Amino acid sequence: MVQQEENQKSAEYMRLAVPLMTKYGIAMTPQNYAVWYEYVSGANMQLSETIDIDLAELGTFTNQRTTELYNRFLGPEKEELNLLDQRADLRLLLQEIQKFAKKGSSAASESTEQLAEALAKLHPEMSRDQIHDVIQDVMAETKQVMSSSQQLTDRLNAAMADIEEIKADINDTKKEAKTDRLTGLANRKAFDENIQLTVAEAEQSTENLCIIFCDLDLFRELNAKHGHLLGDQVLKIVANIIKATVKGRDFVARYGGEEFTITLKNTSIEDAKVIAGVIGKEIAAKRIQRKDSKEPLGQITMSFGVASYCKSEGVDSFLQRADRAVYQSKRNGRNMTSEANPPII
């Protein structure tokens, strides 16, 4: 009964959302629909209030504004929405494969049972790894069934192509979830996962491990004076300079806002300071100007904090020391590199 009521509510929200999207000329994409579904359902009060204000002031709406609201209010849920779509796609594929397997020769009966078992494994809370495991099982059984008849073979070939596409979507979703959209660098989530693994490896190794915390100087003032679009341009330029300076084995991430991190395996503290110095000089030498007025921004600088990992200190201590070193550079005048003090263990 509860599920039936939920389905009825969903259908009603759909009937309300679609006419509104049509009225304002909003494209019927999954992202746009998610925004207007949330609006009519009232599930997201901030989003609903924002749309109400825009409609009251402008009397219309645009696809661009809808996209902005999706990124602002629903972006963090995008990965889960994609996984829901992938679970649904996979269920439909499994059902079709199972249906065709039943129409095939008796040699396919065992595989039909295996496919039924794979179908039974599907549930709403499946993780990406669980979906991947089911796909692997299905592909193995599909190969067994493919020899039963030409019709079945053709259909299964198409189904396997669809499954490969779902796998590619999963990989793309996973990559997107760990990539900063603006700079293309690894994001905070990817950094947190990487540093845990890297520190664990360092505990078992004799190689040096260093980290550089990088923080643009006076970036808020730049944003306030020239606007966020130009600030975004500066962040992209800085990200490209950092990527071009480090080696392929080094892990570069946007830590948040105007902060970046560089994780350096098998690198001494002295070499890490040299790398920070090179990046700082490259950034300071860059001359950036507004595209509209050609007004120069002046010199852009960055402060750095460098720390070398000490056995048994743990991730939190390691990062806190690097972070404190950055602010030491800020206090000492900015546009410089400071080495972190040893940990207190």
C-alpha atoms as a PDB file:
ATOM      1  CA  MET A   1       0.000   0.000   0.000  1.00  0.00           C
ATOM      2  CA  VAL A   2       2.804   2.424   0.913  1.00  0.00           C
ATOM      3  CA  GLN A   3       4.656   1.657  -2.325  1.00  0.00           C
ATOM      4  CA  GLN A   4       1.451   2.184  -4.317  1.00  0.00           C
ATOM      5  CA  GLU A   5       0.929   5.578  -2.695  1.00  0.00           C
ATOM      6  CA  GLU A   6       4.535   6.550  -3.453  1.00  0.00           C
ATOM      7  CA  ASN A   7       4.071   5.567  -7.093  1.00  0.00           C
ATOM      8  CA  GLN A   8       0.901   7.656  -7.274  1.00  0.00           C
ATOM      9  CA  LYS A   9       2.736  10.659  -5.811  1.00  0.00           C
ATOM     10  CA  SER A  10       5.563  10.249  -8.314  1.00  0.00           C
ATOM     11  CA  ALA A  11       3.093  10.120 -11.193  1.00  0.00           C
ATOM     12  CA  GLU A  12       1.347  13.258  -9.928  1.00  0.00           C
ATOM     13  CA  TYR A  13       4.650  15.131  -9.614  1.00  0.00           C
ATOM     14  CA  MET A  14       5.490  14.110 -13.160  1.00  0.00           C
ATOM     15  CA  ARG A  15       2.131  15.465 -14.403  1.00  0.00           C
ATOM     16  CA  LEU A  16       2.916  18.755 -12.668  1.00  0.00           C
ATOM     17  CA  ALA A  17       6.577  19.056 -13.718  1.00  0.00           C
ATOM     18  CA  VAL A  18       6.257  18.308 -17.438  1.00  0.00           C
ATOM     19  CA  PRO A  19       3.712  21.103 -18.250  1.00  0.00           C
ATOM     20  CA  LEU A  20       5.875  23.630 -16.415  1.00  0.00           C
ATOM     21  CA  MET A  21       8.952  22.569 -18.371  1.00  0.00           C
ATOM     22  CA  THR A  22       6.951  22.843 -21.592  1.00  0.00           C
ATOM     23  CA  LYS A  23       5.618  26.269 -20.600  1.00  0.00           C
ATOM     24  CA  TYR A  24       9.099  27.706 -20.082  1.00  0.00           C
ATOM     25  CA  GLY A  25      10.734  25.829 -22.969  1.00  0.00           C
ATOM     26  CA  ILE A  26      12.925  23.651 -20.739  1.00  0.00           C
ATOM     27  CA  ALA A  27      14.520  20.707 -22.571  1.00  0.00           C
ATOM     28  CA  MET A  28      13.304  17.287 -21.387  1.00  0.00           C
ATOM     29  CA  THR A  29      16.673  16.019 -20.157  1.00  0.00           C
ATOM     30  CA  PRO A  30      17.144  13.866 -17.026  1.00  0.00           C
ATOM     31  CA  GLN A  31      18.957  16.703 -15.224  1.00  0.00           C
ATOM     32  CA  ASN A  32      16.311  19.308 -16.089  1.00  0.00           C
ATOM     33  CA  TYR A  33      13.509  16.937 -15.135  1.00  0.00           C
ATOM     34  CA  ALA A  34      15.190  16.222 -11.770  1.00  0.00           C
ATOM     35  CA  VAL A  35      15.192  19.961 -10.975  1.00  0.00           C
ATOM     36  CA  TRP A  36      11.526  20.511 -11.835  1.00  0.00           C
ATOM     37  CA  TYR A  37      10.445  17.269 -10.171  1.00  0.00           C
ATOM     38  CA  GLU A  38      12.110  18.468  -6.964  1.00  0.00           C
ATOM     39  CA  TYR A  39      10.404  21.843  -7.411  1.00  0.00           C
ATOM     40  CA  VAL A  40       6.842  20.544  -7.717  1.00  0.00           C
ATOM     41  CA  SER A  41       7.363  17.941  -4.991  1.00  0.00           C
ATOM     42  CA  GLY A  42       8.571  20.570  -2.528  1.00  0.00           C
ATOM     43  CA  ALA A  43      11.246  18.143  -1.317  1.00  0.00           C
ATOM     44  CA  ASN A  44      13.991  20.750  -1.628  1.00  0.00           C
ATOM     45  CA  MET A  45      12.782  23.996  -0.053  1.00  0.00           C
ATOM     46  CA  GLN A  46      15.834  26.059  -1.037  1.00  0.00           C
ATOM     47  CA  LEU A  47      15.549  25.018  -4.672  1.00  0.00           C
ATOM     48  CA  SER A  48      11.799  25.714  -4.708  1.00  0.00           C
ATOM     49  CA  GLU A  49      12.257  29.148  -3.145  1.00  0.00           C
ATOM     50  CA  THR A  50      14.993  30.024  -5.651  1.00  0.00           C
ATOM     51  CA  ILE A  51      12.779  29.082  -8.611  1.00  0.00           C
ATOM     52  CA  ASP A  52       9.833  31.010  -7.142  1.00  0.00           C
ATOM     53  CA  ILE A  53      11.979  34.121  -6.755  1.00  0.00           C
ATOM     54  CA  ASP A  54      13.315  33.846 -10.317  1.00  0.00           C
ATOM     55  CA  LEU A  55       9.820  33.382 -11.742  1.00  0.00           C
ATOM     56  CA  ALA A  56       8.464  36.309  -9.728  1.00  0.00           C
ATOM     57  CA  GLU A  57      11.260  38.616 -10.893  1.00  0.00           C
ATOM     58  CA  LEU A  58      11.664  37.465 -14.507  1.00  0.00           C
ATOM     59  CA  GLY A  59       8.424  35.693 -15.370  1.00  0.00           C
ATOM     60  CA  THR A  60      10.338  33.070 -17.371  1.00  0.00           C
ATOM     61  CA  PHE A  61      13.055  30.446 -17.056  1.00  0.00           C
ATOM     62  CA  THR A  62      15.932  29.041 -19.133  1.00  0.00           C
ATOM     63  CA  ASN A  63      17.791  25.776 -19.679  1.00  0.00           C
ATOM     64  CA  GLN A  64      20.989  27.444 -18.472  1.00  0.00           C
ATOM     65  CA  ARG A  65      19.397  28.508 -15.208  1.00  0.00           C
ATOM     66  CA  THR A  66      17.979  24.998 -14.735  1.00  0.00           C
ATOM     67  CA  THR A  67      21.474  23.548 -15.202  1.00  0.00           C
ATOM     68  CA  GLU A  68      22.874  26.013 -12.652  1.00  0.00           C
ATOM     69  CA  LEU A  69      20.268  24.932 -10.112  1.00  0.00           C
ATOM     70  CA  TYR A  70      20.960  21.261 -10.787  1.00  0.00           C
ATOM     71  CA  ASN A  71      24.686  21.741 -10.131  1.00  0.00           C
ATOM     72  CA  ARG A  72      23.956  23.830  -7.040  1.00  0.00           C
ATOM     73  CA  PHE A  73      21.279  21.721  -5.374  1.00  0.00           C
ATOM     74  CA  LEU A  74      21.409  18.239  -6.906  1.00  0.00           C
ATOM     75  CA  GLY A  75      24.991  17.825  -8.142  1.00  0.00           C
ATOM     76  CA  PRO A  76      26.220  15.685  -5.185  1.00  0.00           C
ATOM     77  CA  GLU A  77      23.371  13.241  -5.872  1.00  0.00           C
ATOM     78  CA  LYS A  78      24.252  12.834  -9.535  1.00  0.00           C
ATOM     79  CA  GLU A  79      26.354   9.720  -9.030  1.00  0.00           C
ATOM     80  CA  GLU A  80      23.531   7.976  -7.170  1.00  0.00           C
ATOM     81  CA  LEU A  81      21.006   8.991  -9.842  1.00  0.00           C
ATOM     82  CA  ASN A  82      23.293   7.521 -12.484  1.00  0.00           C
ATOM     83  CA  LEU A  83      23.585   4.311 -10.524  1.00  0.00           C
ATOM     84  CA  LEU A  84      19.789   4.084 -10.288  1.00  0.00           C
ATOM     85  CA  ASP A  85      19.572   4.442 -14.068  1.00  0.00           C
ATOM     86  CA  GLN A  86      22.271   1.832 -14.540  1.00  0.00           C
ATOM     87  CA  ARG A  87      20.479  -0.626 -12.244  1.00  0.00           C
ATOM     88  CA  ALA A  88      17.275  -0.139 -14.221  1.00  0.00           C
ATOM     89  CA  ASP A  89      19.084  -0.532 -17.573  1.00  0.00           C
ATOM     90  CA  LEU A  90      20.816  -3.668 -16.364  1.00  0.00           C
ATOM     91  CA  ARG A  91      17.542  -5.187 -15.122  1.00  0.00           C
ATOM     92  CA  LEU A  92      15.879  -4.631 -18.515  1.00  0.00           C
ATOM     93  CA  LEU A  93      18.827  -6.158 -20.339  1.00  0.00           C
ATOM     94  CA  LEU A  94      18.861  -9.197 -18.099  1.00  0.00           C
ATOM     95  CA  GLN A  95      15.145  -9.728 -18.640  1.00  0.00           C
ATOM     96  CA  GLU A  96      15.541  -9.534 -22.418  1.00  0.00           C
ATOM     97  CA  ILE A  97      18.496 -11.902 -22.416  1.00  0.00           C
ATOM     98  CA  GLN A  98      16.601 -14.318 -20.212  1.00  0.00           C
ATOM     99  CA  LYS A  99      13.555 -14.165 -22.509  1.00  0.00           C
ATOM    100  CA  PHE A 100      15.599 -14.944 -25.606  1.00  0.00           C
ATOM    101  CA  ALA A 101      17.534 -17.675 -23.823  1.00  0.00           C
ATOM    102  CA  LYS A 102      14.238 -19.419 -23.044  1.00  0.00           C
ATOM    103  CA  LYS A 103      13.385 -19.348 -26.760  1.00  0.00           C
ATOM    104  CA  GLY A 104      16.723 -20.938 -27.661  1.00  0.00           C
ATOM    105  CA  SER A 105      17.745 -24.565 -27.671  1.00  0.00           C
ATOM    106  CA  SER A 106      17.651 -26.854 -24.663  1.00  0.00           C
ATOM    107  CA  ALA A 107      21.404 -26.372 -24.363  1.00  0.00           C
ATOM    108  CA  ALA A 108      20.666 -22.879 -23.065  1.00  0.00           C
ATOM    109  CA  SER A 109      18.556 -24.049 -20.095  1.00  0.00           C
ATOM    110  CA  GLU A 110      21.430 -24.081 -17.639  1.00  0.00           C
ATOM    111  CA  SER A 111      22.484 -20.591 -18.686  1.00  0.00           C
ATOM    112  CA  THR A 112      18.877 -19.447 -18.395  1.00  0.00           C
ATOM    113  CA  GLU A 113      18.967 -20.498 -14.739  1.00  0.00           C
ATOM    114  CA  GLN A 114      22.248 -18.658 -14.247  1.00  0.00           C
ATOM    115  CA  LEU A 115      20.750 -15.510 -15.780  1.00  0.00           C
ATOM    116  CA  ALA A 116      17.750 -15.823 -13.488  1.00  0.00           C
ATOM    117  CA  GLU A 117      20.134 -15.951 -10.530  1.00  0.00           C
ATOM    118  CA  ALA A 118      21.891 -12.817 -11.796  1.00  0.00           C
ATOM    119  CA  LEU A 119      18.524 -11.076 -12.150  1.00  0.00           C
ATOM    120  CA  ALA A 120      17.654 -12.035  -8.583  1.00  0.00           C
ATOM    121  CA  LYS A 121      20.829 -10.347  -7.349  1.00  0.00           C
ATOM    122  CA  LEU A 122      19.602  -6.935  -8.477  1.00  0.00           C
ATOM    123  CA  HIS A 123      18.287  -4.694  -5.704  1.00  0.00           C
ATOM    124  CA  PRO A 124      17.820  -0.929  -5.250  1.00  0.00           C
ATOM    125  CA  GLU A 125      20.814  -0.446  -2.970  1.00  0.00           C
ATOM    126  CA  MET A 126      23.404  -2.054  -5.229  1.00  0.00           C
ATOM    127  CA  SER A 127      26.804  -0.372  -5.263  1.00  0.00           C
ATOM    128  CA  ARG A 128      28.852   0.211  -8.387  1.00  0.00           C
ATOM    129  CA  ASP A 129      31.118  -2.741  -7.573  1.00  0.00           C
ATOM    130  CA  GLN A 130      28.113  -5.055  -7.115  1.00  0.00           C
ATOM    131  CA  ILE A 131      26.696  -3.967 -10.475  1.00  0.00           C
ATOM    132  CA  HIS A 132      30.084  -4.665 -12.036  1.00  0.00           C
ATOM    133  CA  ASP A 133      30.147  -8.184 -10.534  1.00  0.00           C
ATOM    134  CA  VAL A 134      26.677  -8.976 -11.909  1.00  0.00           C
ATOM    135  CA  ILE A 135      27.710  -7.717 -15.334  1.00  0.00           C
ATOM    136  CA  GLN A 136      30.742 -10.018 -15.276  1.00  0.00           C
ATOM    137  CA  ASP A 137      28.502 -12.994 -14.427  1.00  0.00           C
ATOM    138  CA  VAL A 138      26.043 -12.105 -17.176  1.00  0.00           C
ATOM    139  CA  MET A 139      28.758 -11.745 -19.790  1.00  0.00           C
ATOM    140  CA  ALA A 140      30.187 -15.147 -18.903  1.00  0.00           C
ATOM    141  CA  GLU A 141      26.784 -16.827 -19.174  1.00  0.00           C
ATOM    142  CA  THR A 142      25.916 -14.906 -22.318  1.00  0.00           C
ATOM    143  CA  LYS A 143      28.961 -16.343 -24.064  1.00  0.00           C
ATOM    144  CA  GLN A 144      27.715 -19.855 -23.204  1.00  0.00           C
ATOM    145  CA  VAL A 145      24.276 -19.188 -24.632  1.00  0.00           C
ATOM    146  CA  MET A 146      25.471 -17.513 -27.839  1.00  0.00           C
ATOM    147  CA  SER A 147      25.965 -20.795 -29.716  1.00  0.00           C
ATOM    148  CA  SER A 148      22.338 -21.987 -29.307  1.00  0.00           C
ATOM    149  CA  SER A 149      20.862 -20.288 -32.402  1.00  0.00           C
ATOM    150  CA  GLN A 150      21.656 -17.584 -34.907  1.00  0.00           C
ATOM    151  CA  GLN A 151      18.754 -15.415 -33.776  1.00  0.00           C
ATOM    152  CA  LEU A 152      19.814 -15.736 -30.165  1.00  0.00           C
ATOM    153  CA  THR A 153      23.434 -15.047 -31.110  1.00  0.00           C
ATOM    154  CA  ASP A 154      22.537 -11.832 -32.919  1.00  0.00           C
ATOM    155  CA  ARG A 155      20.382 -10.583 -30.061  1.00  0.00           C
ATOM    156  CA  LEU A 156      22.940 -11.478 -27.428  1.00  0.00           C
ATOM    157  CA  ASN A 157      25.674  -9.731 -29.374  1.00  0.00           C
ATOM    158  CA  ALA A 158      23.573  -6.583 -29.249  1.00  0.00           C
ATOM    159  CA  ALA A 159      22.836  -7.131 -25.555  1.00  0.00           C
ATOM    160  CA  MET A 160      26.510  -7.603 -24.755  1.00  0.00           C
ATOM    161  CA  ALA A 161      27.272  -4.346 -26.560  1.00  0.00           C
ATOM    162  CA  ASP A 162      24.656  -2.664 -24.378  1.00  0.00           C
ATOM    163  CA  ILE A 163      26.230  -4.164 -21.269  1.00  0.00           C
ATOM    164  CA  GLU A 164      29.651  -2.913 -22.325  1.00  0.00           C
ATOM    165  CA  GLU A 165      28.100   0.529 -22.710  1.00  0.00           C
ATOM    166  CA  ILE A 166      26.715   0.313 -19.169  1.00  0.00           C
ATOM    167  CA  LYS A 167      30.171  -0.673 -17.917  1.00  0.00           C
ATOM    168  CA  ALA A 168      31.628   2.350 -19.709  1.00  0.00           C
ATOM    169  CA  ASP A 169      28.963   4.561 -18.112  1.00  0.00           C
ATOM    170  CA  ILE A 170      29.877   3.191 -14.692  1.00  0.00           C
ATOM    171  CA  ASN A 171      33.562   3.934 -15.292  1.00  0.00           C
ATOM    172  CA  ASP A 172      32.722   7.425 -16.545  1.00  0.00           C
ATOM    173  CA  THR A 173      30.529   8.057 -13.501  1.00  0.00           C
ATOM    174  CA  LYS A 174      33.276   6.843 -11.184  1.00  0.00           C
ATOM    175  CA  LYS A 175      35.840   9.069 -12.892  1.00  0.00           C
ATOM    176  CA  GLU A 176      33.517  12.077 -12.877  1.00  0.00           C
ATOM    177  CA  ALA A 177      32.778  11.604  -9.193  1.00  0.00           C
ATOM    178  CA  LYS A 178      36.497  12.001  -8.434  1.00  0.00           C
ATOM    179  CA  THR A 179      37.317  14.820 -10.852  1.00  0.00           C
ATOM    180  CA  ASP A 180      37.080  18.541 -10.212  1.00  0.00           C
ATOM    181  CA  ARG A 181      34.904  19.919 -13.010  1.00  0.00           C
ATOM    182  CA  LEU A 182      36.601  23.284 -13.264  1.00  0.00           C
ATOM    183  CA  THR A 183      40.279  22.289 -13.367  1.00  0.00           C
ATOM    184  CA  GLY A 184      40.144  18.651 -14.455  1.00  0.00           C
ATOM    185  CA  LEU A 185      42.316  17.705 -11.467  1.00  0.00           C
ATOM    186  CA  ALA A 186      41.434  15.068  -8.892  1.00  0.00           C
ATOM    187  CA  ASN A 187      38.912  16.452  -6.399  1.00  0.00           C
ATOM    188  CA  ARG A 188      38.840  16.340  -2.589  1.00  0.00           C
ATOM    189  CA  LYS A 189      37.145  12.940  -2.536  1.00  0.00           C
ATOM    190  CA  ALA A 190      39.852  11.442  -4.750  1.00  0.00           C
ATOM    191  CA  PHE A 191      42.554  13.108  -2.655  1.00  0.00           C
ATOM    192  CA  ASP A 192      41.161  11.706   0.598  1.00  0.00           C
ATOM    193  CA  GLU A 193      41.148   8.179  -0.832  1.00  0.00           C
ATOM    194  CA  ASN A 194      44.606   8.524  -2.366  1.00  0.00           C
ATOM    195  CA  ILE A 195      46.317   9.935   0.714  1.00  0.00           C
ATOM    196  CA  GLN A 196      44.996   7.104   2.882  1.00  0.00           C
ATOM    197  CA  LEU A 197      46.443   4.503   0.499  1.00  0.00           C
ATOM    198  CA  THR A 198      49.683   6.414  -0.015  1.00  0.00           C
ATOM    199  CA  VAL A 199      50.348   6.819   3.708  1.00  0.00           C
ATOM    200  CA  ALA A 200      49.571   3.136   4.293  1.00  0.00           C
ATOM    201  CA  GLU A 201      52.172   2.269   1.629  1.00  0.00           C
ATOM    202  CA  ALA A 202      54.675   4.668   3.199  1.00  0.00           C
ATOM    203  CA  GLU A 203      54.358   2.858   6.530  1.00  0.00           C
ATOM    204  CA  GLN A 204      55.612  -0.304   4.809  1.00  0.00           C
ATOM    205  CA  SER A 205      58.284   1.393   2.691  1.00  0.00           C
ATOM    206  CA  THR A 206      61.652   3.063   3.159  1.00  0.00           C
ATOM    207  CA  GLU A 207      60.937   5.640   0.438  1.00  0.00           C
ATOM    208  CA  ASN A 208      60.311   9.285   1.291  1.00  0.00           C
ATOM    209  CA  LEU A 209      56.803  10.685   1.036  1.00  0.00           C
ATOM    210  CA  CYS A 210      56.162  14.422   0.862  1.00  0.00           C
ATOM    211  CA  ILE A 211      53.144  16.624   0.365  1.00  0.00           C
ATOM    212  CA  ILE A 212      52.859  20.222  -0.803  1.00  0.00           C
ATOM    213  CA  PHE A 213      49.889  22.356   0.189  1.00  0.00           C
ATOM    214  CA  CYS A 214      49.409  25.263  -2.242  1.00  0.00           C
ATOM    215  CA  ASP A 215      47.180  28.281  -1.556  1.00  0.00           C
ATOM    216  CA  LEU A 216      46.675  31.245  -3.917  1.00  0.00           C
ATOM    217  CA  ASP A 217      47.382  34.547  -2.214  1.00  0.00           C
ATOM    218  CA  LEU A 218      44.595  37.145  -1.841  1.00  0.00           C
ATOM    219  CA  PHE A 219      42.274  35.136  -4.078  1.00  0.00           C
ATOM    220  CA  ARG A 220      39.099  36.348  -2.372  1.00  0.00           C
ATOM    221  CA  GLU A 221      40.090  39.942  -3.080  1.00  0.00           C
ATOM    222  CA  LEU A 222      40.660  39.038  -6.730  1.00  0.00           C
ATOM    223  CA  ASN A 223      37.193  37.451  -6.926  1.00  0.00           C
ATOM    224  CA  ALA A 224      35.592  40.444  -5.244  1.00  0.00           C
ATOM    225  CA  LYS A 225      37.243  42.897  -7.635  1.00  0.00           C
ATOM    226  CA  HIS A 226      37.061  41.036 -10.934  1.00  0.00           C
ATOM    227  CA  GLY A 227      34.308  38.456 -10.467  1.00  0.00           C
ATOM    228  CA  HIS A 228      34.139  34.684 -10.168  1.00  0.00           C
ATOM    229  CA  LEU A 229      34.425  33.975 -13.892  1.00  0.00           C
ATOM    230  CA  LEU A 230      37.853  35.545 -14.009  1.00  0.00           C
ATOM    231  CA  GLY A 231      38.698  33.833 -10.742  1.00  0.00           C
ATOM    232  CA  ASP A 232      37.826  30.516 -12.382  1.00  0.00           C
ATOM    233  CA  GLN A 233      40.155  31.388 -15.249  1.00  0.00           C
ATOM    234  CA  VAL A 234      42.992  31.946 -12.780  1.00  0.00           C
ATOM    235  CA  LEU A 235      42.307  28.582 -11.093  1.00  0.00           C
ATOM    236  CA  LYS A 236      42.478  26.792 -14.467  1.00  0.00           C
ATOM    237  CA  ILE A 237      45.772  28.478 -15.329  1.00  0.00           C
ATOM    238  CA  VAL A 238      47.271  27.578 -11.937  1.00  0.00           C
ATOM    239  CA  ALA A 239      46.078  23.971 -12.261  1.00  0.00           C
ATOM    240  CA  ASN A 240      47.754  23.678 -15.675  1.00  0.00           C
ATOM    241  CA  ILE A 241      51.019  25.114 -14.341  1.00  0.00           C
ATOM    242  CA  ILE A 242      51.057  22.616 -11.459  1.00  0.00           C
ATOM    243  CA  LYS A 243      50.274  19.662 -13.753  1.00  0.00           C
ATOM    244  CA  ALA A 244      53.014  20.704 -16.186  1.00  0.00           C
ATOM    245  CA  THR A 245      55.609  20.981 -13.403  1.00  0.00           C
ATOM    246  CA  VAL A 246      55.191  17.637 -11.614  1.00  0.00           C
ATOM    247  CA  LYS A 247      55.852  14.102 -12.823  1.00  0.00           C
ATOM    248  CA  GLY A 248      53.244  11.597 -13.942  1.00  0.00           C
ATOM    249  CA  ARG A 249      53.570   9.565 -10.743  1.00  0.00           C
ATOM    250  CA  ASP A 250      52.782  12.600  -8.561  1.00  0.00           C
ATOM    251  CA  PHE A 251      49.181  13.089  -7.457  1.00  0.00           C
ATOM    252  CA  VAL A 252      47.753  16.579  -7.944  1.00  0.00           C
ATOM    253  CA  ALA A 253      44.353  17.545  -6.544  1.00  0.00           C
ATOM    254  CA  ARG A 254      42.188  20.588  -6.013  1.00  0.00           C
ATOM    255  CA  TYR A 255      41.745  20.455  -2.258  1.00  0.00           C
ATOM    256  CA  GLY A 256      39.045  23.095  -2.168  1.00  0.00           C
ATOM    257  CA  GLY A 257      38.505  26.688  -3.321  1.00  0.00           C
ATOM    258  CA  GLU A 258      41.923  28.144  -4.157  1.00  0.00           C
ATOM    259  CA  GLU A 259      43.844  25.333  -2.423  1.00  0.00           C
ATOM    260  CA  PHE A 260      45.719  22.556  -4.214  1.00  0.00           C
ATOM    261  CA  THR A 261      47.785  19.586  -3.042  1.00  0.00           C
ATOM    262  CA  ILE A 262      50.660  17.653  -4.582  1.00  0.00           C
ATOM    263  CA  THR A 263      51.491  14.218  -3.164  1.00  0.00           C
ATOM    264  CA  LEU A 264      55.082  13.242  -3.967  1.00  0.00           C
ATOM    265  CA  LYS A 265      56.258   9.653  -3.630  1.00  0.00           C
ATOM    266  CA  ASN A 266      59.970   8.873  -3.345  1.00  0.00           C
ATOM    267  CA  THR A 267      60.767  12.580  -3.000  1.00  0.00           C
ATOM    268  CA  SER A 268      62.925  14.271  -0.375  1.00  0.00           C
ATOM    269  CA  ILE A 269      61.820  17.383   1.485  1.00  0.00           C
ATOM    270  CA  GLU A 270      64.510  19.400  -0.290  1.00  0.00           C
ATOM    271  CA  ASP A 271      63.286  18.304  -3.718  1.00  0.00           C
ATOM    272  CA  ALA A 272      59.699  19.041  -2.684  1.00  0.00           C
ATOM    273  CA  LYS A 273      60.692  22.587  -1.757  1.00  0.00           C
ATOM    274  CA  VAL A 274      62.399  22.983  -5.130  1.00  0.00           C
ATOM    275  CA  ILE A 275      59.217  21.866  -6.905  1.00  0.00           C
ATOM    276  CA  ALA A 276      57.148  24.338  -4.878  1.00  0.00           C
ATOM    277  CA  GLY A 277      59.610  27.091  -5.754  1.00  0.00           C
ATOM    278  CA  VAL A 278      59.408  26.336  -9.481  1.00  0.00           C
ATOM    279  CA  ILE A 279      55.595  26.382  -9.403  1.00  0.00           C
ATOM    280  CA  GLY A 280      55.608  29.645  -7.447  1.00  0.00           C
ATOM    281  CA  LYS A 281      57.905  31.340  -9.960  1.00  0.00           C
ATOM    282  CA  GLU A 282      55.852  30.109 -12.924  1.00  0.00           C
ATOM    283  CA  ILE A 283      52.650  31.476 -11.402  1.00  0.00           C
ATOM    284  CA  ALA A 284      54.218  34.810 -10.426  1.00  0.00           C
ATOM    285  CA  ALA A 285      55.588  35.228 -13.961  1.00  0.00           C
ATOM    286  CA  LYS A 286      52.171  34.708 -15.535  1.00  0.00           C
ATOM    287  CA  ARG A 287      50.496  37.882 -16.752  1.00  0.00           C
ATOM    288  CA  ILE A 288      46.709  37.629 -16.830  1.00  0.00           C
ATOM    289  CA  GLN A 289      44.294  40.302 -18.008  1.00  0.00           C
ATOM    290  CA  ARG A 290      40.542  40.700 -18.322  1.00  0.00           C
ATOM    291  CA  LYS A 291      39.284  39.680 -21.738  1.00  0.00           C
ATOM    292  CA  ASP A 292      36.712  42.478 -21.892  1.00  0.00           C
ATOM    293  CA  SER A 293      38.712  45.517 -20.750  1.00  0.00           C
ATOM    294  CA  LYS A 294      42.250  44.127 -21.155  1.00  0.00           C
ATOM    295  CA  GLU A 295      42.868  45.310 -17.596  1.00  0.00           C
ATOM    296  CA  PRO A 296      45.842  43.450 -16.084  1.00  0.00           C
ATOM    297  CA  LEU A 297      45.233  41.620 -12.832  1.00  0.00           C
ATOM    298  CA  GLY A 298      48.679  42.277 -11.504  1.00  0.00           C
ATOM    299  CA  GLN A 299      50.971  39.595 -10.186  1.00  0.00           C
ATOM    300  CA  ILE A 300      49.322  36.377  -9.016  1.00  0.00           C
ATOM    301  CA  THR A 301      51.239  34.587  -6.261  1.00  0.00           C
ATOM    302  CA  MET A 302      50.912  31.392  -4.245  1.00  0.00           C
ATOM    303  CA  SER A 303      52.052  30.286  -0.806  1.00  0.00           C
ATOM    304  CA  PHE A 304      53.283  26.760  -0.105  1.00  0.00           C
ATOM    305  CA  GLY A 305      53.624  24.431   2.856  1.00  0.00           C
ATOM    306  CA  VAL A 306      55.806  21.323   2.528  1.00  0.00           C
ATOM    307  CA  ALA A 307      55.823  18.318   4.860  1.00  0.00           C
ATOM    308  CA  SER A 308      57.703  15.020   4.868  1.00  0.00           C
ATOM    309  CA  TYR A 309      55.858  12.016   6.299  1.00  0.00           C
ATOM    310  CA  CYS A 310      57.185  10.524   9.530  1.00  0.00           C
ATOM    311  CA  LYS A 311      56.469   6.883  10.307  1.00  0.00           C
ATOM    312  CA  SER A 312      53.482   6.274  12.579  1.00  0.00           C
ATOM    313  CA  GLU A 313      52.276   9.893  12.643  1.00  0.00           C
ATOM    314  CA  GLY A 314      49.158   9.131  10.598  1.00  0.00           C
ATOM    315  CA  VAL A 315      47.296  11.010   7.883  1.00  0.00           C
ATOM    316  CA  ASP A 316      45.731  13.713  10.062  1.00  0.00           C
ATOM    317  CA  SER A 317      49.021  14.818  11.589  1.00  0.00           C
ATOM    318  CA  PHE A 318      50.715  14.779   8.172  1.00  0.00           C
ATOM    319  CA  LEU A 319      48.099  17.046   6.581  1.00  0.00           C
ATOM    320  CA  GLN A 320      47.809  19.360   9.572  1.00  0.00           C
ATOM    321  CA  ARG A 321      51.558  20.008   9.547  1.00  0.00           C
ATOM    322  CA  ALA A 322      51.490  20.875   5.830  1.00  0.00           C
ATOM    323  CA  ASP A 323      48.471  23.110   6.347  1.00  0.00           C
ATOM    324  CA  ARG A 324      50.153  24.969   9.212  1.00  0.00           C
ATOM    325  CA  ALA A 325      53.235  25.451   7.046  1.00  0.00           C
ATOM    326  CA  VAL A 326      51.099  27.173   4.383  1.00  0.00           C
ATOM    327  CA  TYR A 327      49.804  29.652   6.904  1.00  0.00           C
ATOM    328  CA  GLN A 328      53.335  30.221   8.131  1.00  0.00           C
ATOM    329  CA  SER A 329      54.145  31.324   4.568  1.00  0.00           C
ATOM    330  CA  LYS A 330      51.096  33.595   4.607  1.00  0.00           C
ATOM    331  CA  ARG A 331      52.133  35.196   7.907  1.00  0.00           C
ATOM    332  CA  ASN A 332      55.693  35.715   6.659  1.00  0.00           C
ATOM    333  CA  GLY A 333      54.580  37.756   3.662  1.00  0.00           C
ATOM    334  CA  ARG A 334      53.106  35.247   1.155  1.00  0.00           C
ATOM    335  CA  ASN A 335      54.627  34.063  -2.147  1.00  0.00           C
ATOM    336  CA  MET A 336      57.043  31.704  -0.395  1.00  0.00           C
ATOM    337  CA  THR A 337      57.533  28.121   0.781  1.00  0.00           C
ATOM    338  CA  SER A 338      57.665  27.003   4.413  1.00  0.00           C
ATOM    339  CA  GLU A 339      58.739  23.607   5.716  1.00  0.00           C
ATOM    340  CA  ALA A 340      56.514  21.960   8.299  1.00  0.00           C
ATOM    341  CA  ASN A 341      57.793  21.377  11.795  1.00  0.00           C
ATOM    342  CA  PRO A 342      58.375  17.741  12.825  1.00  0.00           C
ATOM    343  CA  PRO A 343      55.370  15.950  14.319  1.00  0.00           C
ATOM    344  CA  ILE A 344      54.879  15.515  18.036  1.00  0.00           C
ATOM    345  CA  ILE A 345      54.516  11.760  18.471  1.00  0.00           C
END
